[in-house]
Amino acid sequence: MAVVNNPNSPRQKMINLMYLVFIAMMALNVSSEVLDGFVLVEDSLHHSIENSTQRNTIVSRELDTYYQANPDKVREWYNKGVQVTSASEDIYNYVQQLKERIVKVADGKNGDVTDIQHKDNLEAASRIMLAPLNGEGKNLRDAIDSYRTLMANLVQDPEKNRIIKESLSTTPSRQADINGRKWEESLFENMPVSAAITLLTKLQSDIRYVQGEVMSNLLNSVDVGDYRVNMVEAQVVPVSQIVMRGSSYEANIVLSAIDSTKRPAVYVNGRMLDAEANGRFVVPTSSTGTFPVEGYIEMPNSDGTTLRRDFRSEYFVTEPGATVAPTLMNILYAGIENPIRIAVPGIPSGSVFPTISTGRLTKKGESIWDAFPAANSVGQEAVVTVSAQMADGRRIEMAKTPFRIRMLPDPMPYIEYKDANGNVRKFRGGTIPKRNLMEAGGILAAIDDDILNIQFTVLRFELIYPDSFGNMINEPTEGGNFSERQKNFIRGLARGKQFWVNRVVARGPDGVERSIPPIQVIVN
């Protein structure tokens, strides 16, 4: 015979009582400090919203001013701005209504969003957002999706478009997707009122931000395609103002605006250029110094008069030279590739030929080379000699630059983990949550001092920790990963307990093994 759940039966009363106890236990797990933290975040978000609203108002006024001054030109962007403002206000106010409804469920009909009394209420957000028949969660998700599509379609820049889509994404988190939870369920199911209100305020902040990005983009689009000309000037456009002795100086003498049906007459340094030169001025160089390029351009006007524009410039002739600049320091490290920049002014990179007195040089890109001194050359000097091939085929030595060869410095050990936002962090000592410690898996080592960025291989290390009698226990392992015994030890640590990662041995790309400093770990 089927069992009927009579609401007045002792069995059903017991079930109801157990449910109330369960809800009370869940509420107790949300500390007052955490709930007060949401209030601080809420205040910060409101400050951000106020700033964004002021900025959006300024941009909207500028767009309106442009429209009043030139309605024919600005009408398209003005109408889109009106559409953006209207859509933004609609969804912003809709979110505000949801916040008010949630608070009224938690605090009663006189509930105030700015002064929530029952911050730890776990039912109010679910009742409004996830009710089976009239829950607003799906409606909110659909509204965000529509608003995001509208805003993205108004912005052509791919990077800004991507930012807009990510700011208003309704894709469930990876963990929520694995558990089969929808976006709204992952946000509002069993969520305290204080947290739910903060999440909705964050959504309002994102709406104001996206509104501002789109409005700014519309304002900037008003002048796209405009071309303004208010002067006609003669110009000297040199191939290069710095010329090495033995090569030629080249420059174009042009008007900044020309008529293709008329050919101007160009006079440079007292003589007229041939018409076939099309304004190209070429003169050989035989000595160093500064030389003038001056003259004028004449263009016949339609009324028979002549338009004349004077010009003046100069070029510099220098002795052959080269620039060799290390991208790390003024030294080279033995046993690794050291990027250095090698360039000769006025010479394309394909005509530059460097050599090194010890080790090898390998070209990696435009003007970038890798210098690789041998591992056994520490303490020696490496000389980089740069030669350049001239236009006439001659190869000229440009410079010699000495470098000191040193051994790589020791790396520093660290534990790599991901924070709550998924960002990779490097722990080098102090306090760390046990969860992050267990997820890390082991010890890494690297030189990453903003000058060098070199990874080392951890060969072995040990954990040192006190037992219950105060004796220090050593737990070694080979490689960079925690052993099972080490994991079991870490897993059993209480908050505030500490241990040391000691006797870390690592090997760098130069093949040298080094003992590096320990790490003190305090479990949070």
Protein backbone atom coordinates (compact mmCIF):
# COMPACT_ATOMS: atom_id res chain seq x y z
CA MET A 1 0.00 0.00 0.00
CA ALA A 2 1.35 3.43 -0.93
CA VAL A 3 2.43 5.74 1.90
CA VAL A 4 0.62 9.09 1.94
CA ASN A 5 2.61 12.13 3.23
CA ASN A 6 -0.07 13.63 5.46
CA PRO A 7 1.20 17.11 6.45
CA ASN A 8 -0.19 16.54 9.95
CA SER A 9 1.27 13.05 10.40
CA PRO A 10 4.12 12.56 12.89
CA ARG A 11 6.35 11.37 10.01
CA GLN A 12 5.82 14.51 7.93
CA LYS A 13 6.25 16.75 10.99
CA MET A 14 9.60 15.07 11.62
CA ILE A 15 10.66 15.61 7.99
CA ASN A 16 9.71 19.29 8.21
CA LEU A 17 11.64 19.69 11.43
CA MET A 18 14.73 18.04 9.92
CA TYR A 19 14.52 20.40 6.90
CA LEU A 20 14.40 23.43 9.21
CA VAL A 21 17.41 22.14 11.13
CA PHE A 22 19.28 21.59 7.84
CA ILE A 23 18.56 25.14 6.66
CA ALA A 24 19.66 26.51 10.05
CA MET A 25 22.93 24.56 9.85
CA MET A 26 23.61 25.94 6.37
CA ALA A 27 22.95 29.44 7.62
CA LEU A 28 25.39 28.96 10.46
CA ASN A 29 28.11 28.09 7.95
CA VAL A 30 27.97 31.61 6.50
CA SER A 31 29.95 33.74 8.96
CA SER A 32 28.98 37.31 9.75
CA GLU A 33 32.42 38.43 8.58
CA VAL A 34 31.75 36.98 5.12
CA LEU A 35 28.34 38.63 4.94
CA ASP A 36 29.82 41.97 6.02
CA GLY A 37 32.43 41.51 3.30
CA PHE A 38 29.65 41.45 0.71
CA VAL A 39 28.48 44.82 2.04
CA LEU A 40 31.95 46.28 1.42
CA VAL A 41 31.98 44.86 -2.11
CA GLU A 42 28.47 46.22 -2.67
CA ASP A 43 29.58 49.73 -1.63
CA SER A 44 32.59 49.55 -3.97
CA LEU A 45 30.40 48.44 -6.86
CA HIS A 46 27.98 51.31 -6.26
CA HIS A 47 30.91 53.75 -6.38
CA SER A 48 32.01 52.22 -9.69
CA ILE A 49 28.45 52.45 -11.05
CA GLU A 50 28.25 56.13 -10.12
CA ASN A 51 31.51 56.87 -11.93
CA SER A 52 30.42 54.91 -15.01
CA THR A 53 27.03 56.67 -15.02
CA GLN A 54 28.70 60.09 -14.90
CA ARG A 55 31.05 59.13 -17.73
CA ASN A 56 28.15 57.79 -19.82
CA THR A 57 26.19 60.99 -19.25
CA ILE A 58 29.12 63.10 -20.45
CA VAL A 59 29.55 60.99 -23.59
CA SER A 60 25.81 61.09 -24.29
CA ARG A 61 25.82 64.90 -23.98
CA GLU A 62 28.76 65.19 -26.37
CA LEU A 63 26.97 63.01 -28.92
CA ASP A 64 23.84 65.13 -28.54
CA THR A 65 25.90 68.33 -29.02
CA TYR A 66 27.41 66.95 -32.22
CA TYR A 67 23.94 66.01 -33.44
CA GLN A 68 22.54 69.47 -32.78
CA ALA A 69 25.47 71.04 -34.67
CA ASN A 70 25.37 68.67 -37.68
CA PRO A 71 22.30 66.39 -37.65
CA ASP A 72 22.82 65.03 -41.18
CA LYS A 73 26.29 63.77 -40.40
CA VAL A 74 25.66 62.53 -36.85
CA ARG A 75 22.08 61.18 -37.16
CA GLU A 76 23.11 57.52 -37.61
CA TRP A 77 25.34 57.50 -34.52
CA TYR A 78 22.90 59.61 -32.47
CA ASN A 79 20.02 57.18 -33.14
CA LYS A 80 22.23 54.25 -32.16
CA GLY A 81 23.20 56.11 -28.98
CA VAL A 82 19.53 56.57 -28.08
CA GLN A 83 19.00 52.85 -28.65
CA VAL A 84 21.97 51.97 -26.43
CA THR A 85 20.78 54.26 -23.62
CA SER A 86 17.22 52.93 -23.75
CA ALA A 87 18.26 49.25 -23.77
CA SER A 88 20.76 49.84 -20.96
CA GLU A 89 18.22 51.58 -18.74
CA ASP A 90 15.65 48.82 -19.31
CA ILE A 91 17.91 45.95 -18.26
CA TYR A 92 19.52 47.97 -15.43
CA ASN A 93 16.09 48.78 -13.95
CA TYR A 94 14.97 45.15 -14.40
CA VAL A 95 17.96 43.97 -12.34
CA GLN A 96 17.17 46.61 -9.70
CA GLN A 97 13.59 45.29 -9.43
CA LEU A 98 14.91 41.76 -8.91
CA LYS A 99 17.12 42.99 -6.05
CA GLU A 100 14.14 44.70 -4.39
CA ARG A 101 11.95 41.60 -4.73
CA ILE A 102 14.60 39.36 -3.18
CA VAL A 103 15.07 41.70 -0.20
CA LYS A 104 11.31 41.96 0.38
CA VAL A 105 11.06 38.16 0.50
CA ALA A 106 13.86 38.09 3.08
CA ASP A 107 12.89 41.15 5.20
CA GLY A 108 9.19 41.61 4.49
CA LYS A 109 7.26 44.17 2.47
CA ASN A 110 9.27 47.04 4.01
CA GLY A 111 12.62 45.49 3.04
CA ASP A 112 15.27 47.97 1.92
CA VAL A 113 18.05 47.00 -0.54
CA THR A 114 20.37 49.51 1.10
CA ASP A 115 19.77 48.10 4.59
CA ILE A 116 19.30 44.32 4.45
CA GLN A 117 18.37 42.78 7.77
CA HIS A 118 18.47 39.04 6.99
CA LYS A 119 21.68 38.91 4.98
CA ASP A 120 22.07 35.15 5.63
CA ASN A 121 18.64 34.15 4.30
CA LEU A 122 19.22 31.21 1.91
CA GLU A 123 15.71 30.95 0.43
CA ALA A 124 14.81 34.42 -0.85
CA ALA A 125 17.11 34.44 -3.92
CA SER A 126 16.03 30.93 -4.93
CA ARG A 127 12.33 31.77 -4.58
CA ILE A 128 12.58 34.79 -6.87
CA MET A 129 15.15 33.51 -9.37
CA LEU A 130 14.64 29.71 -9.46
CA ALA A 131 10.95 29.07 -8.74
CA PRO A 132 9.76 26.25 -11.05
CA LEU A 133 6.90 28.18 -12.68
CA ASN A 134 7.69 31.88 -12.41
CA GLY A 135 11.41 32.04 -11.59
CA GLU A 136 13.15 35.09 -13.03
CA GLY A 137 16.54 33.38 -13.58
CA LYS A 138 15.85 32.26 -17.14
CA ASN A 139 14.23 35.63 -17.98
CA LEU A 140 17.31 37.45 -16.69
CA ARG A 141 19.64 35.19 -18.70
CA ASP A 142 17.59 35.79 -21.87
CA ALA A 143 17.59 39.55 -21.25
CA ILE A 144 21.38 39.61 -20.79
CA ASP A 145 21.88 37.53 -23.95
CA SER A 146 19.73 39.90 -26.00
CA TYR A 147 21.42 42.99 -24.57
CA ARG A 148 24.89 41.53 -25.15
CA THR A 149 24.08 40.71 -28.78
CA LEU A 150 22.71 44.22 -29.39
CA MET A 151 25.78 45.91 -27.88
CA ALA A 152 28.28 43.63 -29.67
CA ASN A 153 26.63 44.31 -33.04
CA LEU A 154 27.25 48.06 -32.57
CA VAL A 155 31.01 47.65 -32.12
CA GLN A 156 33.21 46.59 -35.03
CA ASP A 157 36.56 46.42 -33.23
CA PRO A 158 37.24 42.68 -32.57
CA GLU A 159 39.04 43.22 -29.27
CA LYS A 160 36.36 45.52 -27.84
CA ASN A 161 33.71 43.13 -29.13
CA ARG A 162 35.39 40.27 -27.27
CA ILE A 163 35.55 42.29 -24.05
CA ILE A 164 31.85 43.15 -24.26
CA LYS A 165 30.89 39.51 -24.77
CA GLU A 166 33.06 38.34 -21.88
CA SER A 167 31.75 41.08 -19.55
CA LEU A 168 28.16 39.89 -20.05
CA SER A 169 28.74 36.18 -20.50
CA THR A 170 25.99 33.81 -19.29
CA THR A 171 27.99 30.69 -19.96
CA PRO A 172 28.05 28.49 -16.83
CA SER A 173 31.39 27.98 -15.14
CA ARG A 174 33.26 24.82 -16.02
CA GLN A 175 32.41 23.17 -12.70
CA ALA A 176 28.74 24.17 -12.99
CA ASP A 177 28.61 22.80 -16.53
CA ILE A 178 30.10 19.51 -15.37
CA ASN A 179 27.40 19.27 -12.68
CA GLY A 180 24.68 20.04 -15.23
CA ARG A 181 23.74 23.36 -13.59
CA LYS A 182 22.47 26.32 -15.56
CA TRP A 183 23.95 29.80 -15.25
CA GLU A 184 21.19 31.07 -12.99
CA GLU A 185 21.34 27.98 -10.78
CA SER A 186 25.09 28.36 -10.25
CA LEU A 187 24.53 31.98 -9.12
CA PHE A 188 21.40 31.88 -6.99
CA GLU A 189 20.83 28.35 -5.67
CA ASN A 190 21.22 28.33 -1.84
CA MET A 191 22.83 31.76 -2.08
CA PRO A 192 22.61 34.16 0.92
CA VAL A 193 20.67 37.34 0.21
CA SER A 194 23.75 39.49 0.75
CA ALA A 195 25.72 37.53 -1.86
CA ALA A 196 22.84 37.44 -4.36
CA ILE A 197 22.34 41.21 -4.14
CA THR A 198 26.09 41.76 -4.63
CA LEU A 199 26.07 39.52 -7.73
CA LEU A 200 23.19 41.50 -9.22
CA THR A 201 24.91 44.80 -8.41
CA LYS A 202 28.04 43.51 -10.14
CA LEU A 203 25.84 42.76 -13.18
CA GLN A 204 24.55 46.37 -13.07
CA SER A 205 28.16 47.59 -12.96
CA ASP A 206 28.97 45.46 -16.03
CA ILE A 207 25.94 46.91 -17.84
CA ARG A 208 27.11 50.47 -17.17
CA TYR A 209 30.64 49.56 -18.29
CA VAL A 210 29.43 48.02 -21.56
CA GLN A 211 27.11 50.98 -22.13
CA GLY A 212 30.09 53.32 -21.75
CA GLU A 213 32.27 51.30 -24.13
CA VAL A 214 29.60 51.27 -26.84
CA MET A 215 28.72 54.96 -26.39
CA SER A 216 32.41 55.95 -26.58
CA ASN A 217 32.78 53.83 -29.71
CA LEU A 218 29.78 55.57 -31.31
CA LEU A 219 31.19 58.99 -30.40
CA ASN A 220 34.58 58.12 -31.93
CA SER A 221 32.85 56.83 -35.08
CA VAL A 222 31.39 60.24 -35.89
CA ASP A 223 34.63 61.45 -37.53
CA VAL A 224 35.72 58.16 -39.10
CA GLY A 225 36.26 58.65 -42.81
CA ASP A 226 36.65 62.43 -42.59
CA TYR A 227 39.56 63.95 -44.43
CA ARG A 228 40.51 67.55 -43.65
CA VAL A 229 42.93 69.68 -45.66
CA ASN A 230 43.60 73.30 -44.77
CA MET A 231 47.16 73.82 -46.05
CA VAL A 232 49.23 72.97 -49.08
CA GLU A 233 52.89 72.60 -48.18
CA ALA A 234 56.06 71.51 -49.95
CA GLN A 235 57.78 68.59 -48.20
CA VAL A 236 61.09 66.80 -48.32
CA VAL A 237 60.61 63.08 -47.68
CA PRO A 238 64.03 61.45 -47.32
CA VAL A 239 64.61 57.71 -47.44
CA SER A 240 66.87 58.39 -44.46
CA GLN A 241 68.32 61.55 -42.97
CA ILE A 242 71.34 59.63 -41.70
CA VAL A 243 73.64 58.36 -44.44
CA MET A 244 76.91 56.48 -44.12
CA ARG A 245 79.90 57.76 -46.02
CA GLY A 246 80.18 55.92 -49.32
CA SER A 247 76.40 55.51 -49.84
CA SER A 248 73.83 57.92 -51.38
CA TYR A 249 71.25 60.25 -49.88
CA GLU A 250 67.76 59.93 -51.38
CA ALA A 251 64.65 62.04 -50.80
CA ASN A 252 61.27 62.74 -52.41
CA ILE A 253 60.39 66.43 -52.90
CA VAL A 254 56.58 66.61 -53.08
CA LEU A 255 53.52 68.69 -52.38
CA SER A 256 51.29 67.33 -49.67
CA ALA A 257 48.34 67.69 -52.10
CA ILE A 258 48.75 67.33 -55.86
CA ASP A 259 46.75 67.36 -59.09
CA SER A 260 47.54 64.25 -61.14
CA THR A 261 46.93 66.20 -64.38
CA LYS A 262 49.71 68.68 -63.60
CA ARG A 263 53.40 68.02 -62.97
CA PRO A 264 55.18 70.48 -60.65
CA ALA A 265 58.64 71.92 -61.33
CA VAL A 266 61.08 71.09 -58.50
CA TYR A 267 64.21 73.18 -57.83
CA VAL A 268 66.72 71.78 -55.31
CA ASN A 269 69.93 73.50 -54.24
CA GLY A 270 69.84 75.85 -57.23
CA ARG A 271 69.03 73.37 -60.02
CA MET A 272 65.83 71.96 -61.48
CA LEU A 273 65.17 68.21 -61.21
CA ASP A 274 64.49 66.29 -64.41
CA ALA A 275 60.79 65.75 -65.03
CA GLU A 276 61.37 61.99 -65.29
CA ALA A 277 62.70 61.95 -61.70
CA ASN A 278 59.14 62.52 -60.39
CA GLY A 279 60.53 64.54 -57.48
CA ARG A 280 63.22 62.01 -56.45
CA PHE A 281 66.41 63.77 -55.40
CA VAL A 282 69.63 61.70 -55.33
CA VAL A 283 73.08 63.03 -54.46
CA PRO A 284 76.30 61.12 -53.68
CA THR A 285 78.08 61.54 -50.33
CA SER A 286 81.86 61.74 -50.01
CA SER A 287 82.37 63.30 -46.58
CA THR A 288 80.70 63.42 -43.20
CA GLY A 289 78.66 66.36 -41.89
CA THR A 290 75.29 68.08 -42.22
CA PHE A 291 74.12 69.13 -45.69
CA PRO A 292 71.12 71.28 -46.71
CA VAL A 293 68.28 70.34 -49.03
CA GLU A 294 66.43 73.53 -49.93
CA GLY A 295 64.53 74.98 -52.85
CA TYR A 296 60.96 75.41 -54.06
CA ILE A 297 58.18 73.77 -56.06
CA GLU A 298 56.16 75.56 -58.72
CA MET A 299 52.70 74.44 -59.88
CA PRO A 300 50.61 76.29 -62.53
CA ASN A 301 47.12 77.29 -61.38
CA SER A 302 44.01 77.17 -63.54
CA ASP A 303 43.93 80.98 -63.82
CA GLY A 304 47.42 81.10 -65.33
CA THR A 305 49.21 82.08 -62.14
CA THR A 306 51.87 79.93 -60.51
CA LEU A 307 51.66 78.41 -57.06
CA ARG A 308 55.05 78.34 -55.33
CA ARG A 309 55.96 76.57 -52.11
CA ASP A 310 59.43 76.77 -50.55
CA PHE A 311 61.00 73.89 -48.62
CA ARG A 312 64.05 73.34 -46.48
CA SER A 313 65.50 70.25 -44.87
CA GLU A 314 68.87 68.63 -44.24
CA TYR A 315 70.57 65.26 -44.09
CA PHE A 316 73.41 63.86 -42.04
CA VAL A 317 76.35 61.84 -43.27
CA THR A 318 78.08 59.76 -40.58
CA GLU A 319 80.99 57.41 -40.36
CA PRO A 320 80.14 53.69 -40.47
CA GLY A 321 78.93 52.38 -37.12
CA ALA A 322 76.77 49.73 -35.54
CA THR A 323 74.63 49.21 -32.48
CA VAL A 324 74.91 45.98 -30.51
CA ALA A 325 72.48 46.02 -27.58
CA PRO A 326 71.95 43.00 -25.31
CA THR A 327 68.29 42.53 -24.41
CA LEU A 328 69.24 41.02 -21.01
CA MET A 329 72.30 42.89 -19.64
CA ASN A 330 75.81 43.87 -20.68
CA ILE A 331 76.86 40.27 -20.06
CA LEU A 332 76.26 36.86 -21.61
CA TYR A 333 75.37 33.76 -19.58
CA ALA A 334 77.24 30.55 -20.34
CA GLY A 335 75.35 27.51 -21.57
CA ILE A 336 72.12 29.29 -22.63
CA GLU A 337 70.85 31.39 -25.53
CA ASN A 338 71.21 35.13 -24.83
CA PRO A 339 69.05 37.37 -27.08
CA ILE A 340 70.94 40.42 -28.39
CA ARG A 341 69.91 43.11 -30.86
CA ILE A 342 72.32 43.84 -33.72
CA ALA A 343 71.53 46.67 -36.13
CA VAL A 344 73.44 48.96 -38.48
CA PRO A 345 71.73 52.32 -39.25
CA GLY A 346 70.71 52.51 -42.89
CA ILE A 347 71.49 48.83 -43.59
CA PRO A 348 68.74 46.18 -43.86
CA SER A 349 69.07 43.31 -41.39
CA GLY A 350 69.68 40.86 -44.25
CA SER A 351 72.92 42.68 -45.09
CA VAL A 352 74.28 42.60 -41.52
CA PHE A 353 76.73 39.77 -40.71
CA PRO A 354 77.80 39.39 -37.05
CA THR A 355 80.24 36.84 -35.63
CA ILE A 356 81.24 35.92 -32.06
CA SER A 357 84.71 34.99 -30.82
CA THR A 358 83.50 32.11 -28.61
CA GLY A 359 80.37 30.01 -28.90
CA ARG A 360 77.85 30.61 -31.67
CA LEU A 361 75.36 33.20 -33.00
CA THR A 362 71.94 32.23 -34.38
CA LYS A 363 69.52 34.65 -36.05
CA LYS A 364 66.05 34.59 -34.45
CA GLY A 365 64.23 37.47 -36.16
CA GLU A 366 64.51 41.02 -37.46
CA SER A 367 67.75 42.34 -35.86
CA ILE A 368 67.50 39.72 -33.06
CA TRP A 369 70.23 37.10 -32.57
CA ASP A 370 70.87 34.43 -29.94
CA ALA A 371 74.42 34.34 -28.56
CA PHE A 372 75.32 30.95 -27.05
CA PRO A 373 78.64 30.92 -25.16
CA ALA A 374 79.95 27.46 -24.27
CA ALA A 375 79.27 26.23 -20.72
CA ASN A 376 83.03 26.10 -19.99
CA SER A 377 83.65 29.71 -21.06
CA VAL A 378 82.67 31.34 -17.74
CA GLY A 379 85.04 34.19 -16.91
CA GLN A 380 86.11 34.72 -20.50
CA GLU A 381 85.26 37.56 -22.86
CA ALA A 382 83.16 37.16 -26.00
CA VAL A 383 83.60 39.73 -28.77
CA VAL A 384 80.78 40.31 -31.26
CA THR A 385 82.09 41.65 -34.59
CA VAL A 386 79.54 43.24 -36.96
CA SER A 387 80.08 43.63 -40.71
CA ALA A 388 77.68 45.11 -43.26
CA GLN A 389 77.42 44.60 -47.00
CA MET A 390 77.19 47.84 -49.01
CA ALA A 391 75.04 48.40 -52.09
CA ASP A 392 78.13 48.01 -54.29
CA GLY A 393 78.90 44.57 -52.80
CA ARG A 394 81.68 45.63 -50.44
CA ARG A 395 81.60 44.20 -46.89
CA ILE A 396 82.73 46.68 -44.22
CA GLU A 397 83.47 45.97 -40.57
CA MET A 398 81.24 48.26 -38.49
CA ALA A 399 81.95 47.54 -34.84
CA LYS A 400 83.37 45.20 -32.24
CA THR A 401 81.59 44.85 -28.90
CA PRO A 402 82.98 42.83 -25.94
CA PHE A 403 80.78 40.90 -23.50
CA ARG A 404 81.64 39.26 -20.17
CA ILE A 405 80.61 35.64 -19.82
CA ARG A 406 79.12 34.62 -16.48
CA MET A 407 77.42 31.61 -14.93
CA LEU A 408 73.66 31.71 -14.53
CA PRO A 409 72.58 32.90 -11.05
CA ASP A 410 70.79 30.46 -8.77
CA PRO A 411 67.03 30.11 -9.21
CA MET A 412 64.43 30.45 -6.47
CA PRO A 413 62.06 27.61 -5.54
CA TYR A 414 58.30 28.16 -5.53
CA ILE A 415 54.97 26.37 -5.41
CA GLU A 416 52.65 27.15 -8.31
CA TYR A 417 48.87 27.17 -7.76
CA LYS A 418 45.70 28.82 -9.06
CA ASP A 419 43.74 31.32 -6.98
CA ALA A 420 39.95 31.51 -6.72
CA ASN A 421 39.79 33.40 -10.04
CA GLY A 422 41.88 30.82 -11.90
CA ASN A 423 44.98 33.02 -12.04
CA VAL A 424 48.33 31.27 -11.72
CA ARG A 425 50.23 32.35 -8.59
CA LYS A 426 53.73 31.62 -7.33
CA PHE A 427 54.09 30.92 -3.60
CA ARG A 428 57.62 31.57 -2.29
CA GLY A 429 57.02 31.31 1.44
CA GLY A 430 54.60 32.29 4.17
CA THR A 431 50.93 31.31 4.48
CA ILE A 432 49.03 29.26 1.89
CA PRO A 433 45.62 27.49 1.98
CA LYS A 434 45.89 23.72 2.29
CA ARG A 435 43.63 23.24 -0.76
CA ASN A 436 46.04 25.20 -2.97
CA LEU A 437 48.95 23.28 -1.50
CA MET A 438 47.37 19.90 -2.29
CA GLU A 439 46.47 20.98 -5.84
CA ALA A 440 50.00 22.24 -6.53
CA GLY A 441 51.56 18.80 -6.73
CA GLY A 442 55.17 19.74 -6.10
CA ILE A 443 58.04 22.21 -6.19
CA LEU A 444 59.27 24.31 -9.16
CA ALA A 445 62.32 26.52 -9.57
CA ALA A 446 63.09 29.42 -11.91
CA ILE A 447 64.92 32.69 -12.37
CA ASP A 448 62.15 35.25 -12.99
CA ASP A 449 63.51 38.58 -11.79
CA ASP A 450 62.08 40.71 -14.68
CA ILE A 451 65.48 40.41 -16.41
CA LEU A 452 65.88 36.68 -16.82
CA ASN A 453 63.02 34.23 -17.21
CA ILE A 454 64.56 30.76 -17.09
CA GLN A 455 62.96 27.56 -15.82
CA PHE A 456 65.01 24.97 -13.90
CA THR A 457 64.35 21.26 -13.33
CA VAL A 458 63.93 20.23 -9.68
CA LEU A 459 65.89 17.00 -9.13
CA ARG A 460 65.07 16.35 -5.46
CA PHE A 461 63.95 17.96 -2.23
CA GLU A 462 62.74 17.08 1.24
CA LEU A 463 60.11 18.22 3.71
CA ILE A 464 61.20 18.97 7.28
CA TYR A 465 58.54 19.06 9.98
CA PRO A 466 58.24 18.46 13.72
CA ASP A 467 56.49 15.38 15.07
CA SER A 468 54.23 15.35 18.12
CA PHE A 469 57.30 15.19 20.40
CA GLY A 470 59.03 18.14 18.78
CA ASN A 471 61.54 16.03 16.86
CA MET A 472 62.33 17.18 13.32
CA ILE A 473 61.36 14.62 10.65
CA ASN A 474 62.93 14.59 7.16
CA GLU A 475 60.79 13.28 4.29
CA PRO A 476 62.85 13.26 1.02
CA THR A 477 61.67 12.61 -2.53
CA GLU A 478 63.21 12.43 -5.98
CA GLY A 479 62.04 14.82 -8.70
CA GLY A 480 59.85 17.87 -8.28
CA ASN A 481 56.55 16.22 -7.25
CA PHE A 482 55.32 15.54 -3.71
CA SER A 483 55.60 11.87 -2.77
CA GLU A 484 52.59 10.02 -1.37
CA ARG A 485 54.08 10.17 2.13
CA GLN A 486 54.57 13.91 1.76
CA LYS A 487 51.00 14.35 0.49
CA ASN A 488 49.64 12.34 3.43
CA PHE A 489 51.61 14.53 5.82
CA ILE A 490 50.30 17.74 4.21
CA ARG A 491 46.77 16.39 4.13
CA GLY A 492 46.86 15.85 7.90
CA LEU A 493 48.13 19.32 8.80
CA ALA A 494 45.91 21.61 10.87
CA ARG A 495 45.60 25.34 10.29
CA GLY A 496 48.61 27.24 11.58
CA LYS A 497 50.99 24.28 11.32
CA GLN A 498 54.19 24.79 9.36
CA PHE A 499 56.95 22.87 7.64
CA TRP A 500 59.96 23.59 5.44
CA VAL A 501 60.83 22.59 1.90
CA ASN A 502 64.57 22.02 2.25
CA ARG A 503 67.61 20.74 0.37
CA VAL A 504 66.15 21.60 -3.01
CA VAL A 505 68.49 20.64 -5.86
CA ALA A 506 67.73 21.97 -9.36
CA ARG A 507 69.45 21.82 -12.74
CA GLY A 508 69.35 24.67 -15.25
CA PRO A 509 69.58 24.69 -19.04
CA ASP A 510 73.34 25.10 -18.66
CA GLY A 511 73.48 21.61 -17.12
CA VAL A 512 74.78 22.80 -13.73
CA GLU A 513 73.17 21.40 -10.56
CA ARG A 514 72.65 23.82 -7.66
CA SER A 515 71.35 23.69 -4.10
CA ILE A 516 68.87 26.52 -3.64
CA PRO A 517 67.24 28.19 -0.58
CA PRO A 518 64.40 26.54 1.39
CA ILE A 519 60.76 27.60 1.62
CA GLN A 520 58.84 28.02 4.88
CA VAL A 521 55.20 26.92 4.53
CA ILE A 522 52.45 27.86 7.02
CA VAL A 523 49.12 26.13 6.38
CA ASN A 524 46.10 28.40 6.40
